Structure formats: C-alpha cells, structure tokens
Protein backbone atom coordinates (compact mmCIF):
# COMPACT_ATOMS: atom_id res chain seq x y z
CA MET A 1 -21.45 3.15 -23.74
CA GLY A 2 -20.17 6.71 -23.36
CA ILE A 3 -16.63 7.75 -22.52
CA LEU A 4 -17.60 8.62 -18.94
CA GLU A 5 -19.23 5.23 -18.37
CA GLY A 6 -16.15 3.38 -19.68
CA SER A 7 -13.88 5.50 -17.52
CA SER A 8 -16.01 4.81 -14.43
CA LEU A 9 -16.07 1.10 -15.22
CA SER A 10 -12.30 1.09 -15.66
CA SER A 11 -11.86 2.94 -12.37
CA VAL A 12 -14.12 0.48 -10.55
CA ALA A 13 -12.29 -2.47 -12.10
CA THR A 14 -8.93 -1.01 -11.07
CA ASN A 15 -10.12 -0.47 -7.49
CA VAL A 16 -11.51 -4.02 -7.35
CA CYS A 17 -8.15 -5.36 -8.57
CA ALA A 18 -6.30 -3.29 -5.96
CA LEU A 19 -8.67 -4.51 -3.24
CA GLY A 20 -8.15 -8.11 -4.34
CA CYS A 21 -4.40 -7.68 -4.19
CA GLY A 22 -4.73 -6.18 -0.73
CA ILE A 23 -6.73 -9.17 0.46
CA VAL A 24 -4.22 -11.60 -1.03
CA LEU A 25 -1.36 -9.65 0.53
CA GLY A 26 -3.17 -9.70 3.87
CA CYS A 27 -3.52 -13.48 3.70
CA VAL A 28 0.18 -13.84 2.85
CA MET A 29 1.11 -11.54 5.74
CA LYS A 30 -1.15 -13.49 8.11
CA ASN A 31 0.59 -16.76 7.22
CA TRP A 32 4.03 -15.13 7.49
CA ILE A 33 3.20 -13.68 10.90
CA LYS A 34 1.73 -16.97 12.06
CA ALA A 35 4.85 -18.87 10.96
CA LYS A 36 7.15 -16.30 12.55
CA SER A 37 5.23 -16.26 15.85
CA SER A 38 5.27 -20.05 16.06
CA ILE A 39 9.08 -20.01 15.83
CA LYS A 40 9.52 -17.52 18.68
CA ASP A 41 8.16 -17.80 22.20
CA THR A 42 5.90 -14.76 22.41
CA SER A 43 3.27 -13.44 24.79
CA MET A 44 -0.43 -13.36 23.88
CA ASP A 45 -0.17 -9.64 23.05
CA ASP A 46 2.48 -10.37 20.45
CA LYS A 47 0.50 -13.12 18.74
CA ILE A 48 -1.41 -11.02 16.26
CA ALA A 49 -1.95 -13.64 13.58
CA ASP A 50 -5.26 -14.81 15.08
CA GLU A 51 -6.49 -11.24 15.49
CA VAL A 52 -5.94 -10.12 11.91
CA SER A 53 -8.97 -8.51 10.35
CA PHE A 54 -9.62 -8.12 6.62
CA SER A 55 -12.53 -5.74 6.63
CA ASP A 56 -13.61 -2.50 5.03
CA PHE A 57 -14.83 -1.62 8.53
CA ALA A 58 -11.30 -1.58 9.93
CA GLN A 59 -10.83 0.67 12.93
CA GLY A 60 -7.81 2.66 13.97
CA ASP A 61 -5.80 5.68 13.02
CA LEU A 62 -3.13 3.92 10.93
CA LYS A 63 -3.03 3.37 7.19
CA LEU A 64 -0.86 2.79 4.16
CA VAL A 65 -1.28 5.04 1.11
CA LEU A 66 -0.21 3.72 -2.28
CA VAL A 67 0.52 6.51 -4.77
CA VAL A 68 0.32 5.27 -8.37
CA GLN A 69 2.13 7.13 -11.13
CA ASN A 70 -0.86 7.39 -13.47
CA GLY A 71 1.11 9.01 -16.30
CA LEU A 72 2.70 5.66 -17.13
CA LYS A 73 -0.69 4.43 -18.43
CA MET A 74 -0.25 0.99 -16.86
CA GLY A 75 -2.97 -1.61 -17.31
CA LYS A 76 -5.17 -2.63 -14.38
CA GLY A 77 -3.25 -5.83 -13.75
CA LYS A 78 0.09 -4.01 -13.84
CA ILE A 79 -1.20 -1.44 -11.34
CA ALA A 80 -2.45 -4.20 -9.05
CA ALA A 81 0.91 -5.99 -9.21
CA GLN A 82 2.89 -2.79 -8.57
CA CYS A 83 0.64 -1.89 -5.61
CA SER A 84 1.21 -5.39 -4.23
CA HIS A 85 4.97 -4.90 -4.53
CA ALA A 86 4.68 -1.57 -2.69
CA SER A 87 2.56 -3.13 0.08
CA VAL A 88 5.06 -5.91 0.68
CA MET A 89 7.95 -3.43 0.68
CA ALA A 90 6.09 -1.16 3.14
CA PHE A 91 5.44 -4.14 5.42
CA GLN A 92 9.12 -5.11 5.33
CA HIS A 93 10.38 -1.55 5.90
CA CYS A 94 7.95 -0.91 8.75
CA SER A 95 8.85 -4.25 10.32
CA ALA A 96 12.47 -3.10 10.49
CA ARG A 97 11.87 0.55 11.41
CA ASN A 98 8.81 0.49 13.64
CA PRO A 99 7.47 -2.97 14.54
CA GLN A 100 5.01 -1.54 17.08
CA ILE A 101 3.28 0.56 14.41
CA LEU A 102 3.23 -2.48 12.14
CA LYS A 103 1.56 -4.62 14.82
CA LYS A 104 -1.11 -1.97 15.45
CA TRP A 105 -1.73 -1.59 11.70
CA VAL A 106 -2.07 -5.36 11.23
CA LYS A 107 -4.42 -5.64 14.21
CA SER A 108 -6.58 -2.80 12.92
CA GLY A 109 -7.19 -4.34 9.48
CA GLN A 110 -4.23 -3.07 7.40
CA ARG A 111 -6.13 -0.14 5.88
CA LYS A 112 -4.83 0.84 2.45
CA VAL A 113 -5.81 3.72 0.16
CA VAL A 114 -4.79 3.99 -3.50
CA VAL A 115 -4.36 7.46 -4.99
CA LYS A 116 -2.72 8.81 -8.13
CA VAL A 117 -0.24 11.39 -9.37
CA GLU A 118 0.43 12.22 -13.00
CA ASP A 119 4.22 12.04 -13.12
CA GLU A 120 7.38 10.82 -11.43
CA GLU A 121 8.35 14.30 -10.22
CA GLN A 122 5.15 14.60 -8.17
CA MET A 123 5.73 11.14 -6.71
CA LEU A 124 9.31 11.89 -5.73
CA ASP A 125 8.28 15.22 -4.14
CA LEU A 126 5.77 13.32 -1.99
CA ALA A 127 8.43 10.77 -1.04
CA VAL A 128 10.76 13.52 0.16
CA LYS A 129 7.98 15.16 2.22
CA ALA A 130 6.99 11.81 3.74
CA LYS A 131 10.60 10.96 4.68
CA ARG A 132 11.06 14.40 6.25
CA ALA A 133 7.93 13.75 8.31
CA GLY A 134 9.46 10.51 9.58
CA LEU A 135 7.15 8.19 7.65
CA VAL A 136 8.14 4.88 6.10
CA THR A 137 8.39 5.20 2.32
CA SER A 138 8.75 2.54 -0.37
CA ILE A 139 9.23 3.19 -4.09
CA VAL A 140 8.68 0.43 -6.63
CA CYS A 141 10.96 0.51 -9.68
CA ASP A 142 9.75 -1.71 -12.52
CA ALA A 143 12.01 -4.30 -14.11
CA GLY A 144 10.73 -3.38 -17.58
CA ARG A 145 9.76 -6.87 -18.67
CA THR A 146 6.22 -6.03 -19.80
CA GLN A 147 4.44 -2.71 -20.31
CA ILE A 148 6.79 0.05 -19.22
CA PRO A 149 10.51 0.93 -19.44
CA SER A 150 12.96 -0.59 -16.98
CA GLY A 151 13.55 1.57 -13.92
CA SER A 152 10.20 3.35 -14.13
CA LYS A 153 9.02 4.40 -10.69
CA THR A 154 5.47 3.04 -10.57
CA VAL A 155 4.16 3.24 -6.99
CA LEU A 156 5.13 5.05 -3.81
CA GLY A 157 4.05 3.50 -0.52
CA VAL A 158 3.63 5.97 2.35
CA GLY A 159 3.26 4.22 5.69
CA PRO A 160 1.90 2.35 7.39
CA GLY A 161 1.70 5.23 9.77
CA ASN A 162 -0.47 7.78 11.50
CA GLU A 163 -3.46 8.68 9.34
CA GLN A 164 -3.37 12.42 10.10
CA LEU A 165 0.34 12.68 9.33
CA ILE A 166 -0.02 10.73 6.08
CA ASP A 167 -3.08 12.80 5.10
CA SER A 168 -1.07 15.99 5.59
CA ILE A 169 1.15 14.77 2.74
CA THR A 170 -1.20 12.74 0.49
CA GLY A 171 -4.67 13.94 1.48
CA HIS A 172 -5.01 16.28 -1.51
CA LEU A 173 -4.56 13.46 -4.07
CA LYS A 174 -7.46 11.92 -5.97
CA LEU A 175 -8.36 8.27 -5.55
CA LEU A 176 -7.26 6.03 -8.41
C-alpha cells in the first residue's frame, strides 16, 4: 500500500468516525429535546423531536462547521471525541443565544462539516472573524489526559448558523 492510499484510507476512516459521532450526538439531542418538550406544554410547531432527521440528504441553509486543529496530530478517535465535544457545546450555546436558529437546524437534519487548519493561530483567527459576524462559536480545550497537552485548543465550532455566512469565513478550508 502506497503512502497516498494509506492517507486516503486514514482520511476516510476519520470522516466515518466523525459521521458516527454526529449520528450519536443527534440521537442524544433527540432524546434531550424529547424529554425537555414533554416537561413543558408546547405547541405542535415547537415539538421538533418527532421531526428530527438524520440524513445526508438534509435540506436547509443552516449548518455547523467543525474546524479541527490538524497540527496537533490527534488520532482518529481523539478527533471524533473532540468534534463531539464541539457539537454539544455549539448546541448549548445556540440554545441560549438563538433558539429559533437551533430549532430550524435540528429540523433540517443538523448538517455538520468537518474541516482542518494547521495551527492554533489560524483557528483563533477564524473564531474572531466568526464572532464579529455574529455567529455562535465554541472552542474545545483538551484536559490533557491522553494524547495532547492540557489546554490545547483542538476544535472550533462555528454555528449552527446561516450557511452563506459561515462559508464566508470557513469556505476556503479543506475537508478533514
């Protein structure tokens, strides 16, 4: 097996892990939303738990972009875990800041895209630009218990938010 084939296989495996984490996170969010909506008296429009879609054919103009700091050389499992942390944080932040956007994103399939940057400086520059644009941002700082030093900034979540606005900030980045 050549270097290119191994790299492609690693990239595919990483994307499959990230997709799996997204599906698991979606299931967790569905149960959380269902539990929360059963506590409150809500209208049919507010009950989104039964309308949640987990599909690659998701429709809508909202998404969440997860920006992985690739220079840390994290393993596939570590990347998947850090992306999951960022997704949960983004969900929580958006729930507090813009619940209407969150509801639309959940109803439209919770689209997520995973891209990469090579260092922390690039990630922090993107975070500043996203905040200035009014987007929800979430930065995961690792506890340092396994592969990387404590406090390392591993993943930046941008959104969920308007696809065009997010693309104006992250659209130039390569997929992980």
